[in-house]
Amino acid sequence: MNKIISIRENNPPKAIIVPSMVTTHAVRGPRQIEKISRFVAKLPNFQLSKSIIHQREDYVDAPTFGQSVNEFAPNSLAAKEVVNLFEEVVNG
């Protein structure tokens, strides 16, 4: 048990904060990300993901048809956001 505690003290687990429901508005979206960035910077052991999930209709429409956004609209910006997030999490 002491070994586990010492490993965690030297290398605490990190959590990734994923901004979601961010507006696609050209001015408001970057402002939202900036506010989130400043907030996350104050949190120990947390980091902001590079991937951003925006507020898009495909995220609302896909579940209506029992599909993921990648099935519903595979070439959409929403699908690309999900793929980018997946790759970021898997590849570090």
C-alpha atoms as a PDB file:
ATOM      1  CA  MET A   1       0.000   0.000   0.000  1.00  0.00           C
ATOM      2  CA  ASN A   2       2.806   2.446   0.844  1.00  0.00           C
ATOM      3  CA  LYS A   3       4.317   1.846  -2.582  1.00  0.00           C
ATOM      4  CA  ILE A   4       1.061   2.857  -4.291  1.00  0.00           C
ATOM      5  CA  ILE A   5       0.795   5.997  -2.181  1.00  0.00           C
ATOM      6  CA  SER A   6       4.357   7.054  -2.974  1.00  0.00           C
ATOM      7  CA  ILE A   7       3.803   6.493  -6.709  1.00  0.00           C
ATOM      8  CA  ARG A   8       0.656   8.612  -6.642  1.00  0.00           C
ATOM      9  CA  GLU A   9       2.325  11.389  -4.651  1.00  0.00           C
ATOM     10  CA  ASN A  10       5.118  11.644  -7.223  1.00  0.00           C
ATOM     11  CA  ASN A  11       2.824  11.274 -10.207  1.00  0.00           C
ATOM     12  CA  PRO A  12      -0.747  12.224  -9.291  1.00  0.00           C
ATOM     13  CA  PRO A  13      -3.483  11.193 -11.728  1.00  0.00           C
ATOM     14  CA  LYS A  14      -4.625  13.842 -14.143  1.00  0.00           C
ATOM     15  CA  ALA A  15      -8.060  14.546 -15.449  1.00  0.00           C
ATOM     16  CA  ILE A  16      -8.824  16.073 -18.806  1.00  0.00           C
ATOM     17  CA  ILE A  17     -11.526  18.717 -19.003  1.00  0.00           C
ATOM     18  CA  VAL A  18     -13.321  18.609 -22.367  1.00  0.00           C
ATOM     19  CA  PRO A  19     -15.125  21.817 -23.285  1.00  0.00           C
ATOM     20  CA  SER A  20     -18.525  20.912 -24.658  1.00  0.00           C
ATOM     21  CA  MET A  21     -21.575  22.802 -25.853  1.00  0.00           C
ATOM     22  CA  VAL A  22     -19.230  25.583 -26.976  1.00  0.00           C
ATOM     23  CA  THR A  23     -20.927  27.943 -29.378  1.00  0.00           C
ATOM     24  CA  THR A  24     -19.761  28.072 -32.977  1.00  0.00           C
ATOM     25  CA  HIS A  25     -20.162  31.858 -32.951  1.00  0.00           C
ATOM     26  CA  ALA A  26     -16.927  33.431 -34.231  1.00  0.00           C
ATOM     27  CA  VAL A  27     -16.560  35.818 -31.288  1.00  0.00           C
ATOM     28  CA  ARG A  28     -18.345  34.106 -28.406  1.00  0.00           C
ATOM     29  CA  GLY A  29     -16.813  30.649 -28.953  1.00  0.00           C
ATOM     30  CA  PRO A  30     -13.197  31.747 -28.442  1.00  0.00           C
ATOM     31  CA  ARG A  31     -14.283  33.803 -25.411  1.00  0.00           C
ATOM     32  CA  GLN A  32     -15.889  30.723 -23.875  1.00  0.00           C
ATOM     33  CA  ILE A  33     -12.717  28.697 -24.456  1.00  0.00           C
ATOM     34  CA  GLU A  34     -10.601  31.452 -22.907  1.00  0.00           C
ATOM     35  CA  LYS A  35     -12.777  31.513 -19.787  1.00  0.00           C
ATOM     36  CA  ILE A  36     -12.635  27.731 -19.506  1.00  0.00           C
ATOM     37  CA  SER A  37      -8.847  27.800 -19.977  1.00  0.00           C
ATOM     38  CA  ARG A  38      -8.383  30.326 -17.184  1.00  0.00           C
ATOM     39  CA  PHE A  39     -10.587  28.265 -14.857  1.00  0.00           C
ATOM     40  CA  VAL A  40      -8.854  24.964 -15.602  1.00  0.00           C
ATOM     41  CA  ALA A  41      -5.418  26.556 -15.169  1.00  0.00           C
ATOM     42  CA  LYS A  42      -6.284  27.095 -11.495  1.00  0.00           C
ATOM     43  CA  LEU A  43      -7.114  23.426 -10.896  1.00  0.00           C
ATOM     44  CA  PRO A  44      -4.294  21.120  -9.818  1.00  0.00           C
ATOM     45  CA  ASN A  45      -4.012  17.826 -11.719  1.00  0.00           C
ATOM     46  CA  PHE A  46      -6.438  18.948 -14.410  1.00  0.00           C
ATOM     47  CA  GLN A  47      -5.678  19.875 -17.971  1.00  0.00           C
ATOM     48  CA  LEU A  48      -7.754  21.227 -20.824  1.00  0.00           C
ATOM     49  CA  SER A  49      -8.186  18.951 -23.816  1.00  0.00           C
ATOM     50  CA  LYS A  50      -7.115  20.157 -27.219  1.00  0.00           C
ATOM     51  CA  SER A  51     -10.396  18.832 -28.561  1.00  0.00           C
ATOM     52  CA  ILE A  52     -13.526  20.948 -28.285  1.00  0.00           C
ATOM     53  CA  ILE A  53     -17.080  19.737 -28.675  1.00  0.00           C
ATOM     54  CA  HIS A  54     -19.222  22.499 -30.138  1.00  0.00           C
ATOM     55  CA  GLN A  55     -22.954  22.982 -29.946  1.00  0.00           C
ATOM     56  CA  ARG A  56     -24.123  21.367 -33.183  1.00  0.00           C
ATOM     57  CA  GLU A  57     -27.479  20.097 -34.388  1.00  0.00           C
ATOM     58  CA  ASP A  58     -26.033  16.699 -35.343  1.00  0.00           C
ATOM     59  CA  TYR A  59     -25.471  15.938 -31.633  1.00  0.00           C
ATOM     60  CA  VAL A  60     -29.175  16.558 -31.028  1.00  0.00           C
ATOM     61  CA  ASP A  61     -30.483  14.791 -34.133  1.00  0.00           C
ATOM     62  CA  ALA A  62     -28.393  11.598 -34.052  1.00  0.00           C
ATOM     63  CA  PRO A  63     -29.909  10.076 -30.878  1.00  0.00           C
ATOM     64  CA  THR A  64     -33.401  10.646 -32.287  1.00  0.00           C
ATOM     65  CA  PHE A  65     -32.531   7.991 -34.865  1.00  0.00           C
ATOM     66  CA  GLY A  66     -30.745   5.772 -32.348  1.00  0.00           C
ATOM     67  CA  GLN A  67     -27.358   6.578 -33.844  1.00  0.00           C
ATOM     68  CA  SER A  68     -24.086   8.107 -32.823  1.00  0.00           C
ATOM     69  CA  VAL A  69     -23.126  11.297 -34.566  1.00  0.00           C
ATOM     70  CA  ASN A  70     -20.521   9.312 -36.523  1.00  0.00           C
ATOM     71  CA  GLU A  71     -23.264   7.048 -37.912  1.00  0.00           C
ATOM     72  CA  PHE A  72     -25.801   9.817 -38.458  1.00  0.00           C
ATOM     73  CA  ALA A  73     -23.496  12.301 -40.194  1.00  0.00           C
ATOM     74  CA  PRO A  74     -20.091  10.655 -40.722  1.00  0.00           C
ATOM     75  CA  ASN A  75     -18.632  13.554 -42.714  1.00  0.00           C
ATOM     76  CA  SER A  76     -19.878  16.296 -40.415  1.00  0.00           C
ATOM     77  CA  LEU A  77     -17.866  18.622 -38.202  1.00  0.00           C
ATOM     78  CA  ALA A  78     -19.507  16.978 -35.193  1.00  0.00           C
ATOM     79  CA  ALA A  79     -18.215  13.553 -36.251  1.00  0.00           C
ATOM     80  CA  LYS A  80     -14.730  14.999 -36.743  1.00  0.00           C
ATOM     81  CA  GLU A  81     -14.831  16.489 -33.238  1.00  0.00           C
ATOM     82  CA  VAL A  82     -15.678  13.100 -31.739  1.00  0.00           C
ATOM     83  CA  VAL A  83     -12.897  11.380 -33.695  1.00  0.00           C
ATOM     84  CA  ASN A  84     -10.404  14.061 -32.616  1.00  0.00           C
ATOM     85  CA  LEU A  85     -11.380  13.645 -28.974  1.00  0.00           C
ATOM     86  CA  PHE A  86     -11.107   9.857 -29.215  1.00  0.00           C
ATOM     87  CA  GLU A  87      -7.658  10.076 -30.788  1.00  0.00           C
ATOM     88  CA  GLU A  88      -6.500  12.568 -28.165  1.00  0.00           C
ATOM     89  CA  VAL A  89      -7.614  10.336 -25.302  1.00  0.00           C
ATOM     90  CA  VAL A  90      -6.229   7.133 -26.809  1.00  0.00           C
ATOM     91  CA  ASN A  91      -2.924   8.567 -28.016  1.00  0.00           C
ATOM     92  CA  GLY A  92      -2.317  10.848 -25.061  1.00  0.00           C
END
